Amino acid sequence: MITTQTPFRISFFGGGSDISGFYSRHPGAVLSVAINKSMYMTTHPYFEPTSIHLKYSKTELVASVDQIEHPILRAVLSELVPNGGIEVASIADIPGGTGLGSSSAFTVGLIQNLNARLQRFLPPARLAEDACYIEIDVLKEPIGKQDQYASAFGGLNRLEFHPDGRTTVERIFVAADTIKRLEASLFLFYLGITRSASTILEEQTSNLADVEIFDTQKAMVAQVDVGIQLLRDGDLDGFGRLLHKAWALKRTLASKISDDAIDAHYQRGLDAGALGGKLAGAGGGGFLLFYCPPPAQSCFLAAMHRLRQIPFHFEFHGSRIIHFSEE
């Protein structure tokens, strides 16, 4: 039995620039951090050597890989375990469709797990590349590349997406006290809405043909290095205000990124003392992230009591094997 643990992520700045429709014309960049909410993938030889047993939000028992309904499981198993005889189960700390990169964490963790079963160790860059290949090239999902790299590497990173298709990862090191203060000033609230990012990302990609939208995305990329410098300077309130500016830009990229209900929750947070925030992921639902300085936090949390808060910390490990046994 082999179990892998793969972290979800929060993206601060530059989201959307990891889509090929953008970075093929202008280098993209994202500042993101892995968090201590994870996808767990477990595999085990199946009792029936020619069958495949899958347990996720559904259960599947099939005779061949091509009969698998789950697209990621079908694509990855086709590559790595084409003859069956395996059982795969997944458990997640957070439901899918909430903007924290769960689908890519699923893909990265599954690839890590099945390669370990084949006695192969893949470094983080290879894990991320293979996950991008499955999701973008094989399954033709209209998504970007940041989630796969965030899950594979863990930690706080500047991800750069080059016009030639390369992705480079720069680990961002800031003072430990700054990280501690930042974690204590970030708040994640569940909106109670799950959604597929595909529709929003398809529109966002299409809108990049508009010069004004493309320039807005470029401005969002420029915020990445500003945000990193603010962290290095320890200016967390400046970081929070920059989150607000980034959210104001992001809302203009596609029509369904936000709505009246989300805007009302966001404004309530600002009125209660938060300096900035954003929706996690592509938008449309999921989780609302805020930065609120300590003096205002009591008032802020009281104002946001209608939403469920999800405590979290940064995670500095990427996808890893947490259990390996011959049984």
Foldseek 3Di string as FASTA:
>chain_A
DWKKKWFFKFWQFLPPCLFLLQQLPPKGKTKMATWPWTKMKDKDFAPPQQWEWEEEVDTDIGRFLVPDPPQLSSQLCVVQPGRHRMYMYMDTRDDPQQQRLHVLRVNLQVNQRSVVVVVDHDQLVVSLVVSCCSVCVVVVQRHGRPRNSCRSQGATWMWMAHSVGDIDIDHQDADPVLQVQQLVFKWKWAPPDGDDLRVLSVQLSVLCVPVVLSVLSVVRRVVRVVLSVCSNVSVVLVNQLSSAVRQVSLCPRGPQQEDPVRVVLQVLLVVQAWNHWHRRHSHNGRMIMTGGHVVRVVSNCVSNVVTDIDRIHTTRHHMDIPDDDPD
